[in-house]
N, C-alpha and C. Protein backbone atom coordinates (compact mmCIF):
# COMPACT_ATOMS: atom_id res chain seq x y z
N MET A 1 1.16 -1.03 0.17
CA MET A 1 -0.02 0.16 -0.08
C MET A 1 1.12 1.26 -0.08
N VAL A 2 0.46 2.45 -0.13
CA VAL A 2 1.15 3.70 -0.43
C VAL A 2 0.23 4.45 0.78
N GLY A 3 1.18 4.47 2.05
CA GLY A 3 0.77 5.35 3.53
C GLY A 3 1.28 6.59 3.44
N ARG A 4 2.47 6.69 2.79
CA ARG A 4 2.85 7.80 3.04
C ARG A 4 3.52 8.76 1.48
N PHE A 5 3.47 10.09 1.30
CA PHE A 5 4.27 10.34 0.38
C PHE A 5 4.46 12.17 0.75
N ALA A 6 5.33 12.19 -0.39
CA ALA A 6 5.56 13.78 0.02
C ALA A 6 5.15 14.50 -1.32
N LEU A 7 5.02 15.98 -0.87
CA LEU A 7 5.11 16.78 -2.17
C LEU A 7 5.62 18.13 -1.52
N THR A 8 7.21 18.05 -2.30
CA THR A 8 7.99 19.20 -2.15
C THR A 8 8.31 20.08 -3.04
N ALA A 9 7.68 19.59 -4.13
CA ALA A 9 8.22 20.50 -5.26
C ALA A 9 7.24 21.63 -5.39
N SER A 10 8.05 22.98 -6.42
CA SER A 10 7.24 23.95 -5.92
C SER A 10 6.28 24.29 -6.69
N PRO A 11 5.29 25.22 -6.26
CA PRO A 11 3.58 25.53 -7.02
C PRO A 11 4.18 25.23 -8.41
N ASP A 12 5.44 26.57 -9.10
CA ASP A 12 5.45 26.50 -10.31
C ASP A 12 5.84 25.11 -11.35
N ASP A 13 6.63 24.26 -10.24
CA ASP A 13 7.16 22.93 -11.20
C ASP A 13 5.89 21.96 -11.10
N VAL A 14 4.69 22.14 -10.49
CA VAL A 14 3.64 21.41 -10.56
C VAL A 14 2.77 21.88 -11.33
N ALA A 15 2.67 23.14 -11.77
CA ALA A 15 2.20 23.93 -12.40
C ALA A 15 2.90 23.32 -14.31
N ARG A 16 3.74 23.54 -14.14
CA ARG A 16 4.19 23.01 -15.78
C ARG A 16 3.91 21.61 -15.56
N ARG A 17 4.37 20.98 -14.80
CA ARG A 17 4.21 19.46 -15.31
C ARG A 17 2.90 18.81 -15.58
N PHE A 18 2.02 19.43 -14.83
CA PHE A 18 0.85 19.34 -15.09
C PHE A 18 -0.18 19.86 -15.94
N THR A 19 0.61 21.26 -16.43
CA THR A 19 0.07 22.56 -17.56
C THR A 19 -1.43 22.96 -16.86
N LEU A 20 -0.88 23.65 -15.57
CA LEU A 20 -2.34 24.15 -15.18
C LEU A 20 -1.78 25.63 -15.52
N ALA A 21 -2.94 26.30 -15.75
CA ALA A 21 -2.93 27.56 -15.88
C ALA A 21 -2.76 28.58 -14.77
N THR A 22 -3.63 28.10 -13.28
CA THR A 22 -3.21 28.88 -12.16
C THR A 22 -3.17 27.89 -11.27
N ILE A 23 -2.47 28.44 -9.99
CA ILE A 23 -2.30 27.13 -9.04
C ILE A 23 -2.24 28.16 -7.73
N ASP A 24 -2.80 28.12 -6.58
CA ASP A 24 -2.50 28.69 -5.30
C ASP A 24 -1.32 28.40 -4.79
N PRO A 25 -0.69 28.94 -4.01
CA PRO A 25 0.43 28.97 -3.50
C PRO A 25 0.51 28.00 -2.28
N PHE A 26 1.40 26.87 -2.44
CA PHE A 26 1.54 25.80 -1.24
C PHE A 26 3.01 25.46 -0.45
N PRO A 27 2.79 25.65 0.54
CA PRO A 27 4.49 25.01 1.38
C PRO A 27 4.57 23.60 0.95
N PRO A 28 6.52 23.11 0.77
CA PRO A 28 6.75 21.81 0.66
C PRO A 28 5.98 21.46 1.89
N ARG A 29 5.85 19.80 1.65
CA ARG A 29 5.22 18.79 2.41
C ARG A 29 5.89 17.65 2.40
N PRO A 30 6.50 17.41 3.72
CA PRO A 30 7.45 16.37 3.30
C PRO A 30 7.07 14.87 4.06
N LEU A 31 5.87 14.99 4.48
CA LEU A 31 5.27 14.04 5.17
C LEU A 31 3.64 14.04 4.89
N ILE A 32 2.93 13.30 4.01
CA ILE A 32 1.61 13.81 3.62
C ILE A 32 0.85 12.12 4.21
N LEU A 33 -0.21 12.43 4.83
CA LEU A 33 -0.47 11.08 5.51
C LEU A 33 -2.29 10.59 5.17
N PRO A 34 -2.72 9.47 5.52
CA PRO A 34 -4.24 9.45 5.03
C PRO A 34 -5.04 10.71 5.96
N THR A 35 -6.10 10.81 5.41
CA THR A 35 -7.18 11.86 6.14
C THR A 35 -6.97 13.52 5.98
N GLN A 36 -5.49 13.33 5.56
CA GLN A 36 -4.77 15.07 5.53
C GLN A 36 -5.51 15.69 3.94
N PRO A 37 -5.46 16.92 3.64
CA PRO A 37 -5.46 17.25 2.29
C PRO A 37 -4.48 16.75 1.58
N VAL A 38 -4.90 16.46 0.20
CA VAL A 38 -3.70 16.16 -0.98
C VAL A 38 -4.10 16.76 -1.90
N MET A 39 -3.47 17.30 -3.05
CA MET A 39 -3.91 17.90 -3.89
C MET A 39 -4.16 17.20 -5.13
N VAL A 40 -4.97 16.93 -5.88
CA VAL A 40 -5.23 16.20 -6.77
C VAL A 40 -5.25 17.62 -8.08
N VAL A 41 -5.00 16.78 -9.42
CA VAL A 41 -5.12 17.53 -10.39
C VAL A 41 -6.18 16.61 -11.37
N LEU A 42 -7.36 17.42 -11.94
CA LEU A 42 -8.15 17.07 -12.69
C LEU A 42 -8.68 17.53 -14.02
N ALA A 43 -9.63 16.98 -14.82
CA ALA A 43 -10.07 17.71 -15.68
C ALA A 43 -11.06 18.55 -15.45
N GLY A 44 -11.22 20.04 -15.93
CA GLY A 44 -12.19 20.78 -15.80
C GLY A 44 -11.11 22.16 -15.25
N SER A 45 -12.00 23.00 -14.95
CA SER A 45 -11.90 24.38 -14.51
C SER A 45 -12.35 24.96 -13.50
N GLU A 46 -12.05 25.92 -12.69
CA GLU A 46 -13.08 26.64 -11.80
C GLU A 46 -13.41 26.09 -10.56
N GLY A 47 -12.53 24.92 -10.51
CA GLY A 47 -12.55 24.15 -9.07
C GLY A 47 -13.99 23.10 -9.03
N ARG A 48 -14.16 23.20 -10.23
CA ARG A 48 -15.56 22.38 -10.73
C ARG A 48 -14.67 20.40 -10.71
N THR A 49 -15.86 19.84 -10.32
CA THR A 49 -14.97 18.13 -10.19
C THR A 49 -15.81 17.36 -11.11
N GLU A 50 -16.43 17.64 -12.43
CA GLU A 50 -16.73 17.04 -13.52
C GLU A 50 -15.05 16.93 -14.04
N ALA A 51 -15.15 15.71 -14.47
CA ALA A 51 -14.11 14.90 -15.12
C ALA A 51 -14.15 15.29 -16.60
N PHE A 52 -14.99 16.07 -17.14
CA PHE A 52 -15.27 15.52 -18.76
C PHE A 52 -14.60 17.26 -19.16
N LEU A 53 -14.40 18.25 -18.84
CA LEU A 53 -14.17 19.64 -18.98
C LEU A 53 -13.10 19.76 -19.67
N PRO A 54 -13.04 20.54 -20.20
CA PRO A 54 -11.81 21.03 -21.35
C PRO A 54 -10.55 21.52 -19.87
N GLY A 55 -9.48 21.21 -19.91
CA GLY A 55 -8.69 22.23 -19.49
C GLY A 55 -8.30 21.37 -18.15
N ARG A 56 -7.49 21.79 -17.47
CA ARG A 56 -6.84 20.84 -15.73
C ARG A 56 -6.76 22.18 -15.09
N ALA A 57 -7.28 21.22 -13.77
CA ALA A 57 -7.39 22.13 -12.47
C ALA A 57 -6.94 21.85 -11.05
N ALA A 58 -6.43 21.95 -10.38
CA ALA A 58 -5.93 21.81 -8.90
C ALA A 58 -6.87 21.74 -8.10
N LEU A 59 -6.93 20.58 -7.18
CA LEU A 59 -8.19 20.66 -6.00
C LEU A 59 -7.25 20.27 -4.81
N LEU A 60 -7.65 20.31 -3.91
CA LEU A 60 -7.45 20.16 -2.81
C LEU A 60 -8.81 19.41 -1.88
N VAL A 61 -8.61 17.64 -1.57
CA VAL A 61 -9.23 16.70 -1.63
C VAL A 61 -8.55 15.99 0.14
N ARG A 62 -9.90 15.10 0.31
CA ARG A 62 -9.28 14.52 1.71
C ARG A 62 -8.44 13.59 1.26
N TRP A 63 -7.81 12.99 1.92
CA TRP A 63 -6.99 11.70 1.30
C TRP A 63 -7.58 10.26 1.83
N GLY A 64 -8.39 9.61 1.46
CA GLY A 64 -9.30 8.50 1.89
C GLY A 64 -10.79 8.58 1.49
N LEU A 65 -10.79 7.97 0.30
CA LEU A 65 -12.10 8.15 -0.65
C LEU A 65 -13.18 7.59 0.16
N ILE A 66 -14.14 8.67 0.34
CA ILE A 66 -15.66 7.93 0.73
C ILE A 66 -16.16 7.82 -0.36
N PRO A 67 -17.20 6.66 -0.54
CA PRO A 67 -18.04 6.36 -1.70
C PRO A 67 -19.35 7.08 -1.59
N GLY A 68 -19.59 7.86 -2.96
CA GLY A 68 -20.81 9.07 -3.11
C GLY A 68 -21.61 7.97 -2.49
N TRP A 69 -21.83 6.83 -2.37
CA TRP A 69 -23.19 5.99 -1.67
C TRP A 69 -23.01 5.88 -0.19
N PHE A 70 -22.40 6.13 0.39
CA PHE A 70 -22.11 6.10 1.63
C PHE A 70 -22.71 6.90 2.52
N ARG A 71 -23.63 6.41 3.31
CA ARG A 71 -24.70 6.84 4.12
C ARG A 71 -24.43 6.84 5.45
N GLY A 72 -23.50 6.41 6.17
CA GLY A 72 -23.00 6.43 7.26
C GLY A 72 -22.78 7.56 8.46
N GLU A 73 -23.17 7.51 9.58
CA GLU A 73 -22.83 8.98 10.27
C GLU A 73 -21.56 9.12 11.42
N GLU A 74 -21.13 7.58 11.48
CA GLU A 74 -20.29 7.44 13.38
C GLU A 74 -18.77 6.98 11.87
N GLN A 75 -18.13 5.95 11.71
CA GLN A 75 -17.11 5.65 10.98
C GLN A 75 -17.20 5.80 9.83
N LEU A 76 -16.20 6.91 9.28
CA LEU A 76 -16.21 6.94 7.74
C LEU A 76 -15.02 6.25 7.06
N PRO A 77 -15.28 5.36 6.11
CA PRO A 77 -14.48 4.11 5.51
C PRO A 77 -13.11 4.97 5.26
N ALA A 78 -11.58 4.29 5.16
CA ALA A 78 -10.65 4.56 5.26
C ALA A 78 -9.64 3.86 3.93
N LEU A 79 -10.44 4.60 2.96
CA LEU A 79 -10.51 3.92 1.34
C LEU A 79 -9.11 5.17 0.85
N PHE A 80 -7.95 4.80 1.53
CA PHE A 80 -7.11 5.58 0.84
C PHE A 80 -6.01 4.88 -0.37
N ASN A 81 -5.92 3.98 -0.77
CA ASN A 81 -5.90 3.05 -1.60
C ASN A 81 -6.62 2.54 -2.11
N ALA A 82 -6.86 1.77 -3.56
CA ALA A 82 -7.34 1.16 -4.42
C ALA A 82 -6.59 0.40 -5.04
N ARG A 83 -7.18 -1.13 -5.26
CA ARG A 83 -6.04 -2.08 -5.64
C ARG A 83 -6.34 -2.16 -7.52
N ALA A 84 -5.74 -1.95 -8.24
CA ALA A 84 -5.54 -1.71 -9.65
C ALA A 84 -5.81 -3.12 -9.92
N GLU A 85 -6.04 -4.22 -9.73
CA GLU A 85 -6.47 -5.59 -10.17
C GLU A 85 -7.63 -5.55 -9.68
N THR A 86 -8.30 -4.97 -8.91
CA THR A 86 -9.63 -5.24 -8.69
C THR A 86 -10.71 -4.07 -8.68
N VAL A 87 -9.83 -3.10 -8.93
CA VAL A 87 -10.93 -1.80 -8.83
C VAL A 87 -12.41 -1.82 -9.71
N HIS A 88 -11.93 -2.43 -11.22
CA HIS A 88 -13.24 -2.83 -11.91
C HIS A 88 -14.31 -3.18 -11.18
N ASP A 89 -14.27 -4.09 -10.09
CA ASP A 89 -15.08 -5.01 -9.63
C ASP A 89 -15.66 -4.68 -8.25
N ASN A 90 -14.76 -3.53 -8.00
CA ASN A 90 -15.01 -3.11 -6.60
C ASN A 90 -16.00 -1.83 -5.95
N ALA A 91 -17.38 -2.39 -5.59
CA ALA A 91 -18.35 -1.15 -5.77
C ALA A 91 -17.87 0.43 -5.08
N ALA A 92 -16.94 0.11 -4.35
CA ALA A 92 -16.43 1.40 -4.07
C ALA A 92 -16.00 2.10 -4.68
N PHE A 93 -15.15 2.00 -5.71
CA PHE A 93 -14.66 2.58 -6.85
C PHE A 93 -14.93 2.66 -8.52
N ARG A 94 -15.97 1.72 -8.51
CA ARG A 94 -16.58 1.33 -9.89
C ARG A 94 -16.48 2.89 -10.69
N GLY A 95 -17.78 3.85 -9.97
CA GLY A 95 -18.04 4.94 -10.37
C GLY A 95 -16.94 6.06 -10.80
N ALA A 96 -15.83 5.93 -9.25
CA ALA A 96 -15.15 6.82 -9.64
C ALA A 96 -14.13 6.54 -10.92
N LEU A 97 -13.45 5.13 -11.06
CA LEU A 97 -12.58 4.72 -12.43
C LEU A 97 -13.32 5.08 -13.66
N ARG A 98 -14.68 5.08 -13.48
CA ARG A 98 -15.11 5.49 -14.56
C ARG A 98 -16.06 7.05 -15.18
N HIS A 99 -15.96 7.80 -13.91
CA HIS A 99 -16.13 9.07 -14.21
C HIS A 99 -15.45 10.26 -13.13
N ARG A 100 -14.38 9.39 -12.90
CA ARG A 100 -13.58 10.60 -11.68
C ARG A 100 -12.25 10.26 -11.38
N ARG A 101 -11.62 10.13 -12.61
CA ARG A 101 -10.02 9.75 -12.42
C ARG A 101 -9.42 11.23 -12.07
N CYS A 102 -8.28 11.33 -11.44
CA CYS A 102 -7.50 12.47 -10.96
C CYS A 102 -6.09 11.83 -11.35
N LEU A 103 -5.04 12.54 -10.77
CA LEU A 103 -3.62 12.85 -10.61
C LEU A 103 -3.40 13.43 -9.51
N VAL A 104 -2.62 12.43 -8.99
CA VAL A 104 -2.06 12.70 -7.71
C VAL A 104 -0.55 13.30 -7.61
N PRO A 105 -0.24 14.47 -7.33
CA PRO A 105 1.10 15.15 -7.72
C PRO A 105 2.15 14.56 -6.46
N ALA A 106 3.24 13.68 -6.71
CA ALA A 106 4.14 13.35 -5.73
C ALA A 106 5.46 13.88 -6.13
N SER A 107 6.46 14.12 -4.95
CA SER A 107 7.70 14.53 -5.02
C SER A 107 8.24 13.13 -4.98
N ALA A 108 8.20 12.40 -3.99
CA ALA A 108 8.73 11.09 -3.31
C ALA A 108 7.15 10.41 -2.58
N VAL A 109 7.42 8.82 -2.52
CA VAL A 109 6.44 7.78 -1.79
C VAL A 109 7.64 6.96 -0.99
N LEU A 110 7.44 6.80 0.01
CA LEU A 110 7.86 6.78 1.61
C LEU A 110 7.50 4.99 1.28
N ARG A 111 8.14 4.04 1.17
CA ARG A 111 7.85 2.45 1.34
C ARG A 111 8.92 1.77 2.06
N ARG A 112 8.71 0.68 2.61
CA ARG A 112 9.60 -0.12 3.30
C ARG A 112 10.00 -1.26 2.45
N LEU A 113 11.27 -1.37 2.46
CA LEU A 113 11.81 -2.46 1.73
C LEU A 113 12.57 -3.44 2.37
N ASP A 114 11.79 -4.87 2.09
CA ASP A 114 12.01 -6.11 2.58
C ASP A 114 12.54 -7.22 1.69
N PRO A 115 13.93 -7.85 2.27
CA PRO A 115 14.15 -7.93 3.44
C PRO A 115 15.62 -7.22 3.10
N ALA A 116 15.57 -6.42 4.37
CA ALA A 116 17.07 -5.67 4.34
C ALA A 116 17.91 -6.10 5.19
N PRO A 117 18.98 -6.55 4.80
CA PRO A 117 20.16 -7.18 5.48
C PRO A 117 20.54 -5.90 6.57
N ARG A 118 20.29 -6.29 7.93
CA ARG A 118 20.19 -5.24 9.24
C ARG A 118 21.80 -4.93 9.30
N ASP A 119 22.74 -5.60 8.72
CA ASP A 119 24.11 -5.44 9.29
C ASP A 119 24.77 -4.93 8.30
N ALA A 120 24.23 -4.71 6.96
CA ALA A 120 24.13 -4.06 5.88
C ALA A 120 24.03 -2.62 5.61
N ALA A 121 23.11 -2.14 6.84
CA ALA A 121 22.11 -0.85 6.43
C ALA A 121 22.66 0.30 7.53
N THR A 122 22.73 1.20 6.78
CA THR A 122 23.52 2.12 7.35
C THR A 122 22.83 2.47 9.02
N PRO A 123 23.60 2.91 10.24
CA PRO A 123 22.55 3.35 11.55
C PRO A 123 21.23 4.17 10.95
N LYS A 124 21.26 5.16 10.20
CA LYS A 124 19.96 5.89 9.92
C LYS A 124 19.10 4.85 9.11
N ARG A 125 19.42 3.98 8.45
CA ARG A 125 18.33 3.27 7.72
C ARG A 125 17.79 2.30 8.93
N ARG A 126 18.72 1.63 9.84
CA ARG A 126 18.31 0.91 10.73
C ARG A 126 17.18 1.46 11.55
N GLU A 127 17.20 3.02 11.95
CA GLU A 127 16.04 3.59 12.64
C GLU A 127 14.93 3.85 12.16
N ALA A 128 15.19 3.76 10.69
CA ALA A 128 14.06 3.90 9.69
C ALA A 128 13.10 2.94 9.82
N GLY A 129 13.49 2.06 9.89
CA GLY A 129 13.04 0.41 9.99
C GLY A 129 13.05 -0.24 8.45
N GLY A 130 13.64 0.21 7.50
CA GLY A 130 13.71 -0.12 6.18
C GLY A 130 12.95 0.68 5.16
N VAL A 131 12.72 1.51 5.39
CA VAL A 131 11.91 3.05 4.75
C VAL A 131 13.00 3.23 3.85
N ARG A 132 12.38 3.72 2.93
CA ARG A 132 13.47 4.26 1.81
C ARG A 132 12.52 5.31 0.93
N ARG A 133 13.18 6.21 0.84
CA ARG A 133 12.46 7.51 -0.02
C ARG A 133 12.34 7.50 -1.58
N LEU A 134 11.43 7.13 -2.39
CA LEU A 134 11.30 6.97 -3.87
C LEU A 134 10.87 7.81 -4.90
N THR A 135 11.64 8.54 -5.48
CA THR A 135 11.97 9.35 -5.93
C THR A 135 12.11 9.21 -7.65
N MET A 136 11.44 9.77 -8.27
CA MET A 136 11.97 9.87 -9.95
C MET A 136 12.88 10.74 -10.39
N ALA A 137 14.22 10.54 -11.27
CA ALA A 137 15.26 10.92 -11.46
C ALA A 137 15.00 12.01 -11.95
N ASP A 138 14.06 11.92 -13.05
CA ASP A 138 13.72 12.71 -14.19
C ASP A 138 12.56 13.80 -13.75
N ALA A 139 12.20 14.04 -12.65
CA ALA A 139 11.38 15.66 -12.69
C ALA A 139 11.32 15.42 -11.30
N PRO A 140 11.00 16.60 -10.77
CA PRO A 140 11.00 16.89 -9.30
C PRO A 140 9.69 16.53 -8.49
N VAL A 141 8.47 16.21 -9.78
CA VAL A 141 7.12 15.77 -9.13
C VAL A 141 6.49 14.69 -10.36
N PHE A 142 6.14 13.81 -9.70
CA PHE A 142 5.27 12.79 -10.78
C PHE A 142 3.90 12.34 -10.47
N ALA A 143 3.24 11.96 -11.45
CA ALA A 143 1.82 11.81 -11.17
C ALA A 143 1.26 10.52 -10.45
N MET A 144 0.55 9.97 -9.57
CA MET A 144 0.21 9.15 -9.13
C MET A 144 -0.98 8.94 -9.78
N ALA A 145 -1.96 7.72 -10.25
CA ALA A 145 -3.08 7.54 -10.76
C ALA A 145 -4.13 7.74 -9.31
N GLY A 146 -4.84 8.40 -9.46
CA GLY A 146 -6.20 8.97 -8.20
C GLY A 146 -7.19 8.48 -9.04
N LEU A 147 -8.59 8.45 -7.84
CA LEU A 147 -9.64 8.36 -8.14
C LEU A 147 -10.66 9.05 -7.06
N MET A 148 -11.65 10.07 -7.56
CA MET A 148 -11.98 11.07 -6.46
C MET A 148 -13.62 10.81 -6.55
N GLU A 149 -13.92 10.86 -5.11
CA GLU A 149 -15.13 10.84 -4.89
C GLU A 149 -16.22 12.55 -4.36
N THR A 150 -17.19 12.76 -4.31
CA THR A 150 -17.60 13.85 -3.33
C THR A 150 -18.14 13.30 -2.75
N TYR A 151 -18.61 13.29 -1.33
CA TYR A 151 -19.32 12.72 -0.34
C TYR A 151 -20.06 14.15 0.27
N LEU A 152 -21.43 13.57 0.41
CA LEU A 152 -22.47 14.19 0.85
C LEU A 152 -22.80 14.00 2.68
N ALA A 153 -22.52 14.63 3.20
CA ALA A 153 -22.21 14.32 4.64
C ALA A 153 -23.86 14.68 5.04
N PRO A 154 -24.13 14.18 6.63
CA PRO A 154 -25.34 14.23 6.73
C PRO A 154 -25.70 15.23 7.22
N ASP A 155 -25.04 16.39 6.98
CA ASP A 155 -25.61 18.16 7.69
C ASP A 155 -25.59 18.31 6.30
N GLY A 156 -25.34 18.26 5.02
CA GLY A 156 -25.54 18.60 3.64
C GLY A 156 -24.07 19.41 3.55
N SER A 157 -23.01 19.27 3.88
CA SER A 157 -21.84 19.67 3.62
C SER A 157 -21.25 18.46 2.37
N GLU A 158 -20.21 19.02 1.28
CA GLU A 158 -19.74 18.19 0.33
C GLU A 158 -18.25 18.20 0.77
N ILE A 159 -17.96 16.86 0.93
CA ILE A 159 -16.23 16.58 1.15
C ILE A 159 -15.64 15.92 -0.20
N ASP A 160 -15.02 16.50 -0.94
CA ASP A 160 -13.94 15.87 -1.99
C ASP A 160 -13.19 14.94 -1.78
N THR A 161 -13.29 13.74 -1.71
CA THR A 161 -12.18 12.55 -1.37
C THR A 161 -11.25 11.70 -2.35
N ALA A 162 -10.56 11.37 -2.02
CA ALA A 162 -9.20 10.85 -2.99
C ALA A 162 -8.61 9.41 -2.82
N ALA A 163 -8.64 8.43 -3.59
CA ALA A 163 -7.85 7.30 -3.29
C ALA A 163 -6.58 7.08 -4.16
N ILE A 164 -5.46 6.66 -4.09
CA ILE A 164 -4.75 6.33 -4.51
C ILE A 164 -4.25 5.20 -5.00
N LEU A 165 -3.99 4.83 -6.34
CA LEU A 165 -4.16 3.30 -7.12
C LEU A 165 -2.68 2.55 -6.74
N THR A 166 -2.97 1.43 -6.51
CA THR A 166 -1.66 0.80 -6.34
C THR A 166 -1.48 -0.63 -7.08
N ALA A 167 -0.88 -1.15 -7.56
CA ALA A 167 -0.54 -2.26 -8.57
C ALA A 167 0.18 -3.24 -7.57
N PRO A 168 0.86 -4.22 -8.16
CA PRO A 168 1.57 -5.50 -7.70
C PRO A 168 2.72 -5.13 -8.04
N ALA A 169 3.72 -5.22 -7.32
CA ALA A 169 4.89 -4.92 -7.88
C ALA A 169 5.40 -5.85 -8.76
N GLN A 170 6.16 -5.07 -10.09
CA GLN A 170 7.08 -6.10 -11.08
C GLN A 170 7.72 -7.44 -10.59
N ALA A 171 7.45 -8.20 -11.73
CA ALA A 171 8.31 -9.99 -11.12
C ALA A 171 9.73 -9.52 -10.37
N PRO A 172 10.39 -9.02 -10.80
CA PRO A 172 11.60 -8.99 -10.57
C PRO A 172 11.89 -8.29 -9.44
N ASP A 173 10.96 -7.54 -8.57
CA ASP A 173 10.53 -6.76 -7.74
C ASP A 173 10.33 -7.49 -6.27
N ARG A 174 9.45 -8.47 -6.29
CA ARG A 174 8.86 -8.98 -5.59
C ARG A 174 9.53 -9.38 -3.75
N ALA A 175 10.59 -9.32 -4.28
CA ALA A 175 11.44 -10.04 -2.89
C ALA A 175 11.59 -9.06 -2.08
N VAL A 176 11.54 -7.50 -2.84
CA VAL A 176 11.88 -6.43 -1.36
C VAL A 176 10.42 -5.38 -1.39
N ILE A 177 9.39 -5.92 -2.28
CA ILE A 177 8.53 -4.87 -2.13
C ILE A 177 7.33 -5.49 -2.77
N ASP A 178 6.03 -5.48 -2.05
CA ASP A 178 4.92 -6.14 -2.70
C ASP A 178 4.20 -5.39 -3.53
N ARG A 179 4.20 -3.66 -3.05
CA ARG A 179 2.86 -2.98 -4.51
C ARG A 179 3.77 -1.96 -4.30
N LEU A 180 3.42 -0.85 -5.61
CA LEU A 180 3.76 0.19 -5.46
C LEU A 180 2.65 0.72 -6.07
N PRO A 181 2.64 2.34 -5.95
CA PRO A 181 1.76 3.12 -6.72
C PRO A 181 1.82 2.97 -8.44
N VAL A 182 0.41 2.97 -8.79
CA VAL A 182 0.65 3.51 -10.25
C VAL A 182 0.66 4.70 -10.68
N VAL A 183 1.61 4.92 -11.62
CA VAL A 183 2.31 6.21 -11.86
C VAL A 183 2.21 6.57 -13.37
N ILE A 184 1.55 7.46 -13.59
CA ILE A 184 0.87 7.71 -14.93
C ILE A 184 1.87 8.75 -15.94
N ALA A 185 2.43 8.31 -16.67
CA ALA A 185 3.44 9.16 -17.72
C ALA A 185 2.95 10.42 -18.48
N SER A 186 4.00 11.22 -18.15
CA SER A 186 3.09 12.78 -18.62
C SER A 186 2.38 12.74 -20.35
N GLU A 187 2.81 11.63 -21.06
CA GLU A 187 2.12 11.70 -22.36
C GLU A 187 0.80 10.82 -22.23
N ASP A 188 0.65 10.09 -21.08
CA ASP A 188 -0.66 9.74 -21.03
C ASP A 188 -2.07 10.31 -19.68
N TYR A 189 -1.73 11.60 -19.65
CA TYR A 189 -2.33 12.13 -18.66
C TYR A 189 -3.26 12.46 -19.08
N GLY A 190 -3.63 12.93 -20.31
CA GLY A 190 -4.64 13.17 -20.77
C GLY A 190 -5.98 12.33 -21.33
N ARG A 191 -5.32 10.90 -21.46
CA ARG A 191 -5.82 9.79 -21.63
C ARG A 191 -6.56 9.37 -20.17
N TRP A 192 -5.77 9.54 -19.28
CA TRP A 192 -6.20 9.21 -18.15
C TRP A 192 -6.98 10.29 -17.60
N LEU A 193 -7.47 11.64 -17.38
CA LEU A 193 -8.16 12.19 -17.05
C LEU A 193 -9.58 12.43 -18.03
N ASP A 194 -9.35 11.93 -19.12
CA ASP A 194 -10.62 11.75 -20.18
C ASP A 194 -11.37 10.72 -19.93
N CYS A 195 -12.39 11.25 -19.10
CA CYS A 195 -13.83 10.41 -18.57
C CYS A 195 -14.55 10.42 -19.46
N ARG A 196 -14.78 11.18 -20.52
CA ARG A 196 -16.15 11.16 -21.38
C ARG A 196 -15.85 9.96 -22.36
N ASN A 197 -14.27 10.39 -23.04
CA ASN A 197 -14.02 9.77 -24.33
C ASN A 197 -13.42 8.37 -23.82
N CYS A 198 -12.92 8.38 -22.69
CA CYS A 198 -11.60 7.18 -22.51
C CYS A 198 -12.30 6.19 -21.30
N GLY A 199 -13.35 5.04 -21.58
CA GLY A 199 -13.65 4.13 -20.63
C GLY A 199 -12.64 3.59 -19.46
N PRO A 200 -13.22 2.48 -18.81
CA PRO A 200 -12.16 1.95 -18.25
C PRO A 200 -11.28 1.12 -18.90
N GLY A 201 -12.08 0.48 -19.65
CA GLY A 201 -11.24 -0.66 -20.99
C GLY A 201 -9.91 0.10 -21.83
N ASP A 202 -10.26 1.61 -21.91
CA ASP A 202 -9.54 2.44 -22.84
C ASP A 202 -8.00 3.18 -21.70
N ILE A 203 -8.13 2.99 -20.78
CA ILE A 203 -6.97 2.83 -19.79
C ILE A 203 -6.49 1.75 -18.61
N ALA A 204 -7.20 0.56 -19.22
CA ALA A 204 -6.72 -0.35 -18.65
C ALA A 204 -5.20 -0.64 -18.80
N ASP A 205 -4.28 -0.62 -19.98
CA ASP A 205 -3.10 -0.87 -19.85
C ASP A 205 -1.98 0.04 -18.93
N LEU A 206 -3.04 1.18 -18.50
CA LEU A 206 -2.05 2.29 -17.48
C LEU A 206 -1.91 1.53 -16.22
N LEU A 207 -3.00 0.51 -15.66
CA LEU A 207 -3.09 0.25 -14.33
C LEU A 207 -1.94 -0.61 -13.81
N ALA A 208 -0.77 -0.45 -14.29
CA ALA A 208 0.35 -1.26 -13.80
C ALA A 208 1.35 -0.58 -12.99
N ALA A 209 2.14 -1.25 -12.22
CA ALA A 209 3.00 -0.58 -11.27
C ALA A 209 4.69 -0.67 -12.19
N PRO A 210 4.95 0.59 -12.00
CA PRO A 210 6.15 0.58 -12.82
C PRO A 210 7.05 -0.12 -12.11
N PRO A 211 8.79 -0.36 -13.05
CA PRO A 211 9.97 -1.09 -12.00
C PRO A 211 10.72 -0.45 -11.39
N LEU A 212 10.80 -1.09 -9.57
CA LEU A 212 11.16 -0.15 -9.03
C LEU A 212 12.72 0.15 -9.26
N ALA A 213 12.96 -0.20 -10.41
CA ALA A 213 14.28 0.95 -10.79
C ALA A 213 14.35 1.72 -11.65
N ALA A 214 12.85 2.50 -12.27
CA ALA A 214 12.62 3.56 -12.27
C ALA A 214 12.44 4.75 -11.32
N PHE A 215 12.70 4.45 -10.13
CA PHE A 215 12.85 4.99 -8.42
C PHE A 215 14.45 5.25 -8.35
N THR A 216 14.26 6.68 -7.96
CA THR A 216 15.94 6.66 -7.20
C THR A 216 15.35 6.43 -5.70
N LEU A 217 16.46 5.51 -4.81
CA LEU A 217 16.27 5.26 -4.09
C LEU A 217 16.98 6.06 -2.72
N SER A 218 16.43 6.67 -1.78
CA SER A 218 17.54 7.36 -0.72
C SER A 218 16.84 6.69 0.61
N ASP A 219 17.55 7.22 1.48
CA ASP A 219 17.03 7.67 2.99
C ASP A 219 16.34 8.74 3.12
N PRO A 220 15.33 8.50 4.04
CA PRO A 220 14.12 9.71 4.44
C PRO A 220 15.24 10.59 4.97
N ASP A 221 14.82 11.54 5.15
CA ASP A 221 15.33 13.14 6.07
C ASP A 221 14.91 12.77 7.48
């Protein structure tokens, strides 16, 4: 699963990467956790959440998708990840996969890699419990595949929520990590966000984890 990530790129870097006409200032966030606000990029403008409008917009949402049909008043679901291999059949995510796909900007993902030889690890790495910082060498920010839902709370307020898609690690990497985020390449942003013309079958080839070698690994700060 992906339970921690960072967004330390500048607003200008994010705007350039995702071709955003405008973006509000934001501080570096070296540690982002579930239930906290996260930035998502979606098709559309003027803060609207429809994923079939022209242009792209950035929006803050709660990390932890609440299905649109959920009507509970007590324990809210903690759906901060969606499994790529079952997302088509999962009632919590089916509607979002068809109508409300988004991108989640990240500068790094924090993941534990196993098994890590304890005697070969640096003291800092032993202290971190095998957690490594995964970044993309070619850019200060990359895009994780996301799904978005707007939850209507019992008091009538609306809460925008999102989950990050994960997929099984590629076969050569499974000795050290089980799952990785689904990363969308820049040339596929348009297809992923175009929910009007591209249904789940049209983006099925994107629902895979990149090889671990695509990331640069370092110790967390």
